Amino acid sequence: MIRVHRHAALLVTKDPEALTELTETESARPWIGPKLSATVAWVDRRGVETLREALVKAGYTPKVTSDG
């Protein structure tokens, strides 16, 4: 089976350590899905705003972008 997703949400970091740190952040962990690479993880689109809020509360300054 092959699937192509038109709308996907990704969490992209500059380095692998940052992604590991984020996946260990208790409030963000539920929204971060499988890692696609050392610096990219899948995010459920429905949780993007909640994840953003969790990251801000944890001291991060995420930038949410929209392509298309």
C-alpha atoms as a PDB file:
ATOM      1  CA  MET A   1       0.000   0.000   0.000  1.00  0.00           C
ATOM      2  CA  ILE A   2       1.233   3.468  -0.879  1.00  0.00           C
ATOM      3  CA  ARG A   3      -0.124   6.599   0.753  1.00  0.00           C
ATOM      4  CA  VAL A   4       0.526  10.208  -0.147  1.00  0.00           C
ATOM      5  CA  HIS A   5      -0.473  12.771   2.465  1.00  0.00           C
ATOM      6  CA  ARG A   6      -1.424  16.181   1.176  1.00  0.00           C
ATOM      7  CA  HIS A   7      -1.286  17.842   4.567  1.00  0.00           C
ATOM      8  CA  ALA A   8       1.254  16.654   7.076  1.00  0.00           C
ATOM      9  CA  ALA A   9       2.796  18.350  10.081  1.00  0.00           C
ATOM     10  CA  LEU A  10       6.474  17.973  10.821  1.00  0.00           C
ATOM     11  CA  LEU A  11       8.702  18.974  13.696  1.00  0.00           C
ATOM     12  CA  VAL A  12      12.094  19.992  12.327  1.00  0.00           C
ATOM     13  CA  THR A  13      15.125  20.755  14.487  1.00  0.00           C
ATOM     14  CA  LYS A  14      18.630  21.917  13.633  1.00  0.00           C
ATOM     15  CA  ASP A  15      20.366  19.025  15.353  1.00  0.00           C
ATOM     16  CA  PRO A  16      19.526  15.500  16.557  1.00  0.00           C
ATOM     17  CA  GLU A  17      20.106  16.384  20.216  1.00  0.00           C
ATOM     18  CA  ALA A  18      17.352  19.002  20.063  1.00  0.00           C
ATOM     19  CA  LEU A  19      14.837  16.490  18.723  1.00  0.00           C
ATOM     20  CA  THR A  20      15.794  13.992  21.406  1.00  0.00           C
ATOM     21  CA  GLU A  21      15.389  16.680  24.069  1.00  0.00           C
ATOM     22  CA  LEU A  22      11.953  17.620  22.731  1.00  0.00           C
ATOM     23  CA  THR A  23      10.753  14.024  22.715  1.00  0.00           C
ATOM     24  CA  GLU A  24      11.770  13.826  26.368  1.00  0.00           C
ATOM     25  CA  THR A  25       9.765  16.947  27.288  1.00  0.00           C
ATOM     26  CA  GLU A  26       6.745  15.551  29.113  1.00  0.00           C
ATOM     27  CA  SER A  27       4.209  18.103  27.858  1.00  0.00           C
ATOM     28  CA  ALA A  28       5.350  17.821  24.224  1.00  0.00           C
ATOM     29  CA  ARG A  29       5.912  14.067  24.032  1.00  0.00           C
ATOM     30  CA  PRO A  30       2.255  13.080  23.361  1.00  0.00           C
ATOM     31  CA  TRP A  31       2.148  15.220  20.210  1.00  0.00           C
ATOM     32  CA  ILE A  32       5.426  14.126  18.673  1.00  0.00           C
ATOM     33  CA  GLY A  33       5.113  11.050  16.512  1.00  0.00           C
ATOM     34  CA  PRO A  34       7.709   8.807  14.908  1.00  0.00           C
ATOM     35  CA  LYS A  35      11.074  10.184  13.903  1.00  0.00           C
ATOM     36  CA  LEU A  36      11.506  10.383  10.146  1.00  0.00           C
ATOM     37  CA  SER A  37      15.181  11.280  10.425  1.00  0.00           C
ATOM     38  CA  ALA A  38      17.601  12.412  13.101  1.00  0.00           C
ATOM     39  CA  THR A  39      16.154  15.939  12.967  1.00  0.00           C
ATOM     40  CA  VAL A  40      12.562  15.446  11.742  1.00  0.00           C
ATOM     41  CA  ALA A  41       9.533  13.904  13.423  1.00  0.00           C
ATOM     42  CA  TRP A  42       5.929  13.527  12.356  1.00  0.00           C
ATOM     43  CA  VAL A  43       3.275  15.505  14.275  1.00  0.00           C
ATOM     44  CA  ASP A  44      -0.476  14.898  14.243  1.00  0.00           C
ATOM     45  CA  ARG A  45      -1.896  18.008  12.528  1.00  0.00           C
ATOM     46  CA  ARG A  46      -4.688  18.173  15.071  1.00  0.00           C
ATOM     47  CA  GLY A  47      -2.131  18.739  17.829  1.00  0.00           C
ATOM     48  CA  VAL A  48       0.058  21.421  16.235  1.00  0.00           C
ATOM     49  CA  GLU A  49      -1.288  24.313  18.317  1.00  0.00           C
ATOM     50  CA  THR A  50      -1.248  22.283  21.515  1.00  0.00           C
ATOM     51  CA  LEU A  51       2.329  21.193  20.784  1.00  0.00           C
ATOM     52  CA  ARG A  52       3.331  24.798  20.094  1.00  0.00           C
ATOM     53  CA  GLU A  53       1.842  25.882  23.432  1.00  0.00           C
ATOM     54  CA  ALA A  54       3.603  23.037  25.246  1.00  0.00           C
ATOM     55  CA  LEU A  55       6.936  23.987  23.688  1.00  0.00           C
ATOM     56  CA  VAL A  56       6.498  27.650  24.658  1.00  0.00           C
ATOM     57  CA  LYS A  57       5.680  26.645  28.242  1.00  0.00           C
ATOM     58  CA  ALA A  58       8.814  24.465  28.248  1.00  0.00           C
ATOM     59  CA  GLY A  59      10.946  27.466  27.237  1.00  0.00           C
ATOM     60  CA  TYR A  60      11.251  26.917  23.497  1.00  0.00           C
ATOM     61  CA  THR A  61      10.361  29.427  20.779  1.00  0.00           C
ATOM     62  CA  PRO A  62       8.877  27.330  17.987  1.00  0.00           C
ATOM     63  CA  LYS A  63       8.111  28.820  14.605  1.00  0.00           C
ATOM     64  CA  VAL A  64       4.971  27.416  12.990  1.00  0.00           C
ATOM     65  CA  THR A  65       4.975  27.710   9.222  1.00  0.00           C
ATOM     66  CA  SER A  66       2.514  26.828   6.509  1.00  0.00           C
ATOM     67  CA  ASP A  67       3.476  25.719   3.020  1.00  0.00           C
ATOM     68  CA  GLY A  68       1.028  25.892   0.204  1.00  0.00           C
END
